[in-house]
């Protein structure tokens, strides 16, 4: 198993931001010396992971579709 994993696939998407949010993003990018794409991806990933209502909804969606983590891991075992 490789120590360094392949980066996730990136897709292009256009978002319209409110001016104050866009300014905050630009300022934060300068502060951490990163791209806006990186900061936006990181912030969204962290925010969504910490939203209990979203996690509950996501779990119900996965269960409804039969894509729960338990069913996926069990499916790959003999």
PDB file of N, CA and C in Angstrom:
ATOM      1  N   UNK A   1       0.844  -1.173   0.000  1.00  0.00           N
ATOM      2  CA  UNK A   1       0.000   0.000   0.000  1.00  0.00           C
ATOM      3  C   UNK A   1       0.895   1.244   0.000  1.00  0.00           C
ATOM      4  N   UNK A   2       0.580   2.191  -0.835  1.00  0.00           N
ATOM      5  CA  UNK A   2       1.374   3.410  -0.955  1.00  0.00           C
ATOM      6  C   UNK A   2       1.126   4.332   0.240  1.00  0.00           C
ATOM      7  N   UNK A   3       2.170   5.010   0.675  1.00  0.00           N
ATOM      8  CA  UNK A   3       2.036   5.985   1.753  1.00  0.00           C
ATOM      9  C   UNK A   3       1.330   7.243   1.273  1.00  0.00           C
ATOM     10  N   UNK A   4       1.641   7.632   0.051  1.00  0.00           N
ATOM     11  CA  UNK A   4       1.041   8.830  -0.516  1.00  0.00           C
ATOM     12  C   UNK A   4      -0.051   8.411  -1.475  1.00  0.00           C
ATOM     13  N   UNK A   5      -1.234   8.854  -1.193  1.00  0.00           N
ATOM     14  CA  UNK A   5      -2.380   8.481  -2.018  1.00  0.00           C
ATOM     15  C   UNK A   5      -2.577   9.489  -3.147  1.00  0.00           C
ATOM     16  N   UNK A   6      -3.190   9.004  -4.200  1.00  0.00           N
ATOM     17  CA  UNK A   6      -3.523   9.844  -5.345  1.00  0.00           C
ATOM     18  C   UNK A   6      -4.507  10.926  -4.899  1.00  0.00           C
ATOM     19  N   UNK A   7      -4.313  12.176  -5.350  1.00  0.00           N
ATOM     20  CA  UNK A   7      -5.253  13.222  -4.931  1.00  0.00           C
ATOM     21  C   UNK A   7      -6.646  12.978  -5.506  1.00  0.00           C
ATOM     22  N   UNK A   8      -7.669  13.486  -4.826  1.00  0.00           N
ATOM     23  CA  UNK A   8      -9.031  13.308  -5.343  1.00  0.00           C
ATOM     24  C   UNK A   8      -9.206  14.039  -6.667  1.00  0.00           C
ATOM     25  N   UNK A   9     -10.139  13.563  -7.444  1.00  0.00           N
ATOM     26  CA  UNK A   9     -10.442  14.173  -8.733  1.00  0.00           C
ATOM     27  C   UNK A   9     -11.060  15.546  -8.489  1.00  0.00           C
ATOM     28  N   UNK A  10     -10.610  16.521  -9.235  1.00  0.00           N
ATOM     29  CA  UNK A  10     -11.178  17.867  -9.135  1.00  0.00           C
ATOM     30  C   UNK A  10     -12.161  18.086 -10.269  1.00  0.00           C
ATOM     31  N   UNK A  11     -13.218  18.784  -9.951  1.00  0.00           N
ATOM     32  CA  UNK A  11     -14.192  19.173 -10.971  1.00  0.00           C
ATOM     33  C   UNK A  11     -14.309  20.687 -10.939  1.00  0.00           C
ATOM     34  N   UNK A  12     -14.608  21.259 -12.075  1.00  0.00           N
ATOM     35  CA  UNK A  12     -14.757  22.705 -12.133  1.00  0.00           C
ATOM     36  C   UNK A  12     -16.211  23.069 -11.861  1.00  0.00           C
ATOM     37  N   UNK A  13     -16.401  24.089 -11.038  1.00  0.00           N
ATOM     38  CA  UNK A  13     -17.739  24.537 -10.675  1.00  0.00           C
ATOM     39  C   UNK A  13     -17.686  26.050 -10.496  1.00  0.00           C
ATOM     40  N   UNK A  14     -18.733  26.709 -10.905  1.00  0.00           N
ATOM     41  CA  UNK A  14     -18.801  28.159 -10.744  1.00  0.00           C
ATOM     42  C   UNK A  14     -19.770  28.487  -9.621  1.00  0.00           C
ATOM     43  N   UNK A  15     -19.322  29.316  -8.691  1.00  0.00           N
ATOM     44  CA  UNK A  15     -20.166  29.750  -7.587  1.00  0.00           C
ATOM     45  C   UNK A  15     -20.215  31.267  -7.571  1.00  0.00           C
ATOM     46  N   UNK A  16     -21.360  31.786  -7.233  1.00  0.00           N
ATOM     47  CA  UNK A  16     -21.501  33.226  -7.063  1.00  0.00           C
ATOM     48  C   UNK A  16     -21.427  33.508  -5.569  1.00  0.00           C
ATOM     49  N   UNK A  17     -20.507  34.369  -5.193  1.00  0.00           N
ATOM     50  CA  UNK A  17     -20.329  34.704  -3.783  1.00  0.00           C
ATOM     51  C   UNK A  17     -20.770  36.133  -3.533  1.00  0.00           C
ATOM     52  N   UNK A  18     -21.243  36.357  -2.337  1.00  0.00           N
ATOM     53  CA  UNK A  18     -21.527  37.716  -1.926  1.00  0.00           C
ATOM     54  C   UNK A  18     -20.193  38.442  -1.792  1.00  0.00           C
ATOM     55  N   UNK A  19     -20.188  39.715  -2.070  1.00  0.00           N
ATOM     56  CA  UNK A  19     -18.954  40.505  -2.053  1.00  0.00           C
ATOM     57  C   UNK A  19     -18.198  40.378  -0.730  1.00  0.00           C
ATOM     58  N   UNK A  20     -18.861  40.500   0.424  1.00  0.00           N
ATOM     59  CA  UNK A  20     -18.114  40.368   1.681  1.00  0.00           C
ATOM     60  C   UNK A  20     -17.468  38.985   1.856  1.00  0.00           C
ATOM     61  N   UNK A  21     -18.149  37.949   1.394  1.00  0.00           N
ATOM     62  CA  UNK A  21     -17.605  36.590   1.497  1.00  0.00           C
ATOM     63  C   UNK A  21     -16.403  36.442   0.564  1.00  0.00           C
ATOM     64  N   UNK A  22     -16.518  36.964  -0.623  1.00  0.00           N
ATOM     65  CA  UNK A  22     -15.407  36.918  -1.568  1.00  0.00           C
ATOM     66  C   UNK A  22     -14.189  37.651  -1.021  1.00  0.00           C
ATOM     67  N   UNK A  23     -14.424  38.794  -0.393  1.00  0.00           N
ATOM     68  CA  UNK A  23     -13.318  39.552   0.204  1.00  0.00           C
ATOM     69  C   UNK A  23     -12.670  38.769   1.344  1.00  0.00           C
ATOM     70  N   UNK A  24     -13.496  38.129   2.177  1.00  0.00           N
ATOM     71  CA  UNK A  24     -12.958  37.308   3.267  1.00  0.00           C
ATOM     72  C   UNK A  24     -12.120  36.153   2.733  1.00  0.00           C
ATOM     73  N   UNK A  25     -12.613  35.522   1.683  1.00  0.00           N
ATOM     74  CA  UNK A  25     -11.874  34.416   1.076  1.00  0.00           C
ATOM     75  C   UNK A  25     -10.525  34.895   0.556  1.00  0.00           C
ATOM     76  N   UNK A  26     -10.518  36.005  -0.146  1.00  0.00           N
ATOM     77  CA  UNK A  26      -9.258  36.551  -0.667  1.00  0.00           C
ATOM     78  C   UNK A  26      -8.290  36.889   0.463  1.00  0.00           C
ATOM     79  N   UNK A  27      -8.809  37.511   1.519  1.00  0.00           N
ATOM     80  CA  UNK A  27      -7.955  37.862   2.655  1.00  0.00           C
ATOM     81  C   UNK A  27      -7.382  36.620   3.325  1.00  0.00           C
ATOM     82  N   UNK A  28      -8.226  35.614   3.526  1.00  0.00           N
ATOM     83  CA  UNK A  28      -7.759  34.402   4.194  1.00  0.00           C
ATOM     84  C   UNK A  28      -6.725  33.670   3.340  1.00  0.00           C
ATOM     85  N   UNK A  29      -6.927  33.672   2.040  1.00  0.00           N
ATOM     86  CA  UNK A  29      -5.968  33.038   1.136  1.00  0.00           C
ATOM     87  C   UNK A  29      -4.603  33.714   1.232  1.00  0.00           C
ATOM     88  N   UNK A  30      -4.607  35.030   1.317  1.00  0.00           N
ATOM     89  CA  UNK A  30      -3.342  35.743   1.489  1.00  0.00           C
ATOM     90  C   UNK A  30      -2.720  35.392   2.840  1.00  0.00           C
ATOM     91  N   UNK A  31      -3.543  35.296   3.867  1.00  0.00           N
ATOM     92  CA  UNK A  31      -3.065  34.994   5.214  1.00  0.00           C
ATOM     93  C   UNK A  31      -2.379  33.625   5.283  1.00  0.00           C
ATOM     94  N   UNK A  32      -2.992  32.593   4.704  1.00  0.00           N
ATOM     95  CA  UNK A  32      -2.435  31.232   4.772  1.00  0.00           C
ATOM     96  C   UNK A  32      -1.596  30.877   3.555  1.00  0.00           C
ATOM     97  N   UNK A  33      -1.520  31.796   2.593  1.00  0.00           N
ATOM     98  CA  UNK A  33      -0.735  31.589   1.376  1.00  0.00           C
ATOM     99  C   UNK A  33      -1.171  30.326   0.634  1.00  0.00           C
ATOM    100  N   UNK A  34      -2.473  30.231   0.387  1.00  0.00           N
ATOM    101  CA  UNK A  34      -3.061  29.102  -0.348  1.00  0.00           C
ATOM    102  C   UNK A  34      -4.010  29.637  -1.406  1.00  0.00           C
ATOM    103  N   UNK A  35      -4.415  28.753  -2.292  1.00  0.00           N
ATOM    104  CA  UNK A  35      -5.360  29.141  -3.325  1.00  0.00           C
ATOM    105  C   UNK A  35      -6.788  29.184  -2.757  1.00  0.00           C
ATOM    106  N   UNK A  36      -7.642  29.923  -3.426  1.00  0.00           N
ATOM    107  CA  UNK A  36      -9.048  29.995  -3.030  1.00  0.00           C
ATOM    108  C   UNK A  36      -9.716  28.625  -3.149  1.00  0.00           C
ATOM    109  N   UNK A  37      -9.324  27.846  -4.145  1.00  0.00           N
ATOM    110  CA  UNK A  37      -9.884  26.502  -4.301  1.00  0.00           C
ATOM    111  C   UNK A  37      -9.587  25.642  -3.082  1.00  0.00           C
ATOM    112  N   UNK A  38      -8.341  25.697  -2.619  1.00  0.00           N
ATOM    113  CA  UNK A  38      -7.954  24.889  -1.463  1.00  0.00           C
ATOM    114  C   UNK A  38      -8.723  25.322  -0.220  1.00  0.00           C
ATOM    115  N   UNK A  39      -8.770  26.628   0.034  1.00  0.00           N
ATOM    116  CA  UNK A  39      -9.450  27.138   1.227  1.00  0.00           C
ATOM    117  C   UNK A  39     -10.936  26.800   1.180  1.00  0.00           C
ATOM    118  N   UNK A  40     -11.580  26.980   0.044  1.00  0.00           N
ATOM    119  CA  UNK A  40     -13.011  26.687  -0.078  1.00  0.00           C
ATOM    120  C   UNK A  40     -13.278  25.195   0.129  1.00  0.00           C
ATOM    121  N   UNK A  41     -12.462  24.330  -0.469  1.00  0.00           N
ATOM    122  CA  UNK A  41     -12.622  22.885  -0.289  1.00  0.00           C
ATOM    123  C   UNK A  41     -12.450  22.498   1.172  1.00  0.00           C
ATOM    124  N   UNK A  42     -11.412  23.015   1.800  1.00  0.00           N
ATOM    125  CA  UNK A  42     -11.133  22.689   3.194  1.00  0.00           C
ATOM    126  C   UNK A  42     -12.265  23.163   4.101  1.00  0.00           C
ATOM    127  N   UNK A  43     -12.695  24.407   3.913  1.00  0.00           N
ATOM    128  CA  UNK A  43     -13.741  24.978   4.761  1.00  0.00           C
ATOM    129  C   UNK A  43     -15.062  24.224   4.615  1.00  0.00           C
ATOM    130  N   UNK A  44     -15.439  23.904   3.388  1.00  0.00           N
ATOM    131  CA  UNK A  44     -16.688  23.164   3.174  1.00  0.00           C
ATOM    132  C   UNK A  44     -16.620  21.766   3.769  1.00  0.00           C
ATOM    133  N   UNK A  45     -15.506  21.086   3.557  1.00  0.00           N
ATOM    134  CA  UNK A  45     -15.346  19.733   4.085  1.00  0.00           C
ATOM    135  C   UNK A  45     -15.470  19.748   5.612  1.00  0.00           C
ATOM    136  N   UNK A  46     -14.799  20.689   6.272  1.00  0.00           N
ATOM    137  CA  UNK A  46     -14.848  20.774   7.734  1.00  0.00           C
ATOM    138  C   UNK A  46     -16.243  21.157   8.230  1.00  0.00           C
ATOM    139  N   UNK A  47     -16.843  22.147   7.592  1.00  0.00           N
ATOM    140  CA  UNK A  47     -18.155  22.614   8.029  1.00  0.00           C
ATOM    141  C   UNK A  47     -19.200  21.503   7.887  1.00  0.00           C
ATOM    142  N   UNK A  48     -19.219  20.833   6.754  1.00  0.00           N
ATOM    143  CA  UNK A  48     -20.216  19.786   6.540  1.00  0.00           C
ATOM    144  C   UNK A  48     -19.989  18.591   7.458  1.00  0.00           C
ATOM    145  N   UNK A  49     -18.734  18.289   7.757  1.00  0.00           N
ATOM    146  CA  UNK A  49     -18.436  17.172   8.656  1.00  0.00           C
ATOM    147  C   UNK A  49     -18.911  17.450  10.076  1.00  0.00           C
ATOM    148  N   UNK A  50     -19.011  18.718  10.438  1.00  0.00           N
ATOM    149  CA  UNK A  50     -19.404  19.090  11.801  1.00  0.00           C
ATOM    150  C   UNK A  50     -20.882  19.440  11.937  1.00  0.00           C
ATOM    151  N   UNK A  51     -21.634  19.356  10.870  1.00  0.00           N
ATOM    152  CA  UNK A  51     -23.064  19.691  10.909  1.00  0.00           C
ATOM    153  C   UNK A  51     -23.852  18.437  11.275  1.00  0.00           C
ATOM    154  N   UNK A  52     -24.353  18.356  12.521  1.00  0.00           N
ATOM    155  CA  UNK A  52     -25.028  17.122  12.947  1.00  0.00           C
ATOM    156  C   UNK A  52     -26.294  16.808  12.150  1.00  0.00           C
ATOM    157  N   UNK A  53     -27.036  17.820  11.773  1.00  0.00           N
ATOM    158  CA  UNK A  53     -28.259  17.564  10.999  1.00  0.00           C
ATOM    159  C   UNK A  53     -27.916  17.031   9.609  1.00  0.00           C
ATOM    160  N   UNK A  54     -26.868  17.567   8.993  1.00  0.00           N
ATOM    161  CA  UNK A  54     -26.454  17.073   7.680  1.00  0.00           C
ATOM    162  C   UNK A  54     -25.978  15.630   7.802  1.00  0.00           C
ATOM    163  N   UNK A  55     -25.181  15.341   8.828  1.00  0.00           N
ATOM    164  CA  UNK A  55     -24.672  13.970   8.994  1.00  0.00           C
ATOM    165  C   UNK A  55     -25.816  12.983   9.191  1.00  0.00           C
ATOM    166  N   UNK A  56     -26.826  13.401   9.945  1.00  0.00           N
ATOM    167  CA  UNK A  56     -27.987  12.536  10.158  1.00  0.00           C
ATOM    168  C   UNK A  56     -28.724  12.315   8.830  1.00  0.00           C
ATOM    169  N   UNK A  57     -28.923  13.384   8.078  1.00  0.00           N
ATOM    170  CA  UNK A  57     -29.594  13.278   6.779  1.00  0.00           C
ATOM    171  C   UNK A  57     -28.783  12.396   5.831  1.00  0.00           C
ATOM    172  N   UNK A  58     -27.470  12.613   5.797  1.00  0.00           N
ATOM    173  CA  UNK A  58     -26.593  11.839   4.905  1.00  0.00           C
ATOM    174  C   UNK A  58     -26.649  10.358   5.256  1.00  0.00           C
ATOM    175  N   UNK A  59     -26.637  10.038   6.536  1.00  0.00           N
ATOM    176  CA  UNK A  59     -26.709   8.639   6.960  1.00  0.00           C
ATOM    177  C   UNK A  59     -28.028   8.011   6.531  1.00  0.00           C
ATOM    178  N   UNK A  60     -29.119   8.774   6.621  1.00  0.00           N
ATOM    179  CA  UNK A  60     -30.414   8.223   6.200  1.00  0.00           C
ATOM    180  C   UNK A  60     -30.446   8.024   4.686  1.00  0.00           C
ATOM    181  N   UNK A  61     -29.788   8.902   3.943  1.00  0.00           N
ATOM    182  CA  UNK A  61     -29.719   8.750   2.493  1.00  0.00           C
ATOM    183  C   UNK A  61     -28.898   7.518   2.119  1.00  0.00           C
ATOM    184  N   UNK A  62     -27.777   7.326   2.791  1.00  0.00           N
ATOM    185  CA  UNK A  62     -26.935   6.161   2.525  1.00  0.00           C
ATOM    186  C   UNK A  62     -27.665   4.872   2.844  1.00  0.00           C
ATOM    187  N   UNK A  63     -28.413   4.865   3.939  1.00  0.00           N
ATOM    188  CA  UNK A  63     -29.166   3.675   4.330  1.00  0.00           C
ATOM    189  C   UNK A  63     -30.280   3.394   3.335  1.00  0.00           C
ATOM    190  N   UNK A  64     -30.958   4.441   2.893  1.00  0.00           N
ATOM    191  CA  UNK A  64     -32.048   4.296   1.931  1.00  0.00           C
ATOM    192  C   UNK A  64     -31.549   3.713   0.619  1.00  0.00           C
ATOM    193  N   UNK A  65     -30.386   4.137   0.187  1.00  0.00           N
ATOM    194  CA  UNK A  65     -29.818   3.679  -1.081  1.00  0.00           C
ATOM    195  C   UNK A  65     -29.084   2.361  -0.935  1.00  0.00           C
ATOM    196  N   UNK A  66     -28.957   1.851   0.294  1.00  0.00           N
ATOM    197  CA  UNK A  66     -28.212   0.617   0.504  1.00  0.00           C
ATOM    198  C   UNK A  66     -26.714   0.825   0.418  1.00  0.00           C
ATOM    199  N   UNK A  67     -26.267   2.066   0.637  1.00  0.00           N
ATOM    200  CA  UNK A  67     -24.847   2.383   0.544  1.00  0.00           C
ATOM    201  C   UNK A  67     -24.232   2.646   1.902  1.00  0.00           C
ATOM    202  N   UNK A  68     -24.787   2.070   2.942  1.00  0.00           N
ATOM    203  CA  UNK A  68     -24.225   2.321   4.268  1.00  0.00           C
ATOM    204  C   UNK A  68     -22.824   1.740   4.315  1.00  0.00           C
ATOM    205  N   UNK A  69     -21.934   2.315   5.101  1.00  0.00           N
ATOM    206  CA  UNK A  69     -20.569   1.816   5.193  1.00  0.00           C
ATOM    207  C   UNK A  69     -20.504   0.349   5.589  1.00  0.00           C
ATOM    208  N   UNK A  70     -21.424  -0.103   6.455  1.00  0.00           N
ATOM    209  CA  UNK A  70     -21.415  -1.502   6.872  1.00  0.00           C
ATOM    210  C   UNK A  70     -21.725  -2.426   5.700  1.00  0.00           C
ATOM    211  N   UNK A  71     -22.702  -2.048   4.859  1.00  0.00           N
ATOM    212  CA  UNK A  71     -23.053  -2.910   3.741  1.00  0.00           C
ATOM    213  C   UNK A  71     -21.957  -2.921   2.688  1.00  0.00           C
ATOM    214  N   UNK A  72     -21.233  -1.810   2.533  1.00  0.00           N
ATOM    215  CA  UNK A  72     -20.145  -1.756   1.562  1.00  0.00           C
ATOM    216  C   UNK A  72     -18.981  -2.609   2.008  1.00  0.00           C
ATOM    217  N   UNK A  73     -18.597  -2.524   3.292  1.00  0.00           N
ATOM    218  CA  UNK A  73     -17.458  -3.302   3.764  1.00  0.00           C
ATOM    219  C   UNK A  73     -17.786  -4.786   3.782  1.00  0.00           C
ATOM    220  N   UNK A  74     -19.007  -5.123   4.107  1.00  0.00           N
ATOM    221  CA  UNK A  74     -19.409  -6.528   4.139  1.00  0.00           C
ATOM    222  C   UNK A  74     -19.503  -7.095   2.729  1.00  0.00           C
ATOM    223  N   UNK A  75     -19.839  -6.257   1.756  1.00  0.00           N
ATOM    224  CA  UNK A  75     -19.991  -6.724   0.383  1.00  0.00           C
ATOM    225  C   UNK A  75     -18.661  -7.161  -0.203  1.00  0.00           C
ATOM    226  N   UNK A  76     -17.570  -6.565   0.234  1.00  0.00           N
ATOM    227  CA  UNK A  76     -16.260  -6.906  -0.311  1.00  0.00           C
ATOM    228  C   UNK A  76     -15.629  -8.119   0.356  1.00  0.00           C
ATOM    229  N   UNK A  77     -16.255  -8.642   1.396  1.00  0.00           N
ATOM    230  CA  UNK A  77     -15.698  -9.805   2.114  1.00  0.00           C
ATOM    231  C   UNK A  77     -16.324 -11.097   1.606  1.00  0.00           C
ATOM    232  N   UNK A  78     -15.545 -12.154   1.588  1.00  0.00           N
ATOM    233  CA  UNK A  78     -16.110 -13.459   1.148  1.00  0.00           C
ATOM    234  C   UNK A  78     -17.019 -14.087   2.170  1.00  0.00           C
TER     235      UNK A  78
END
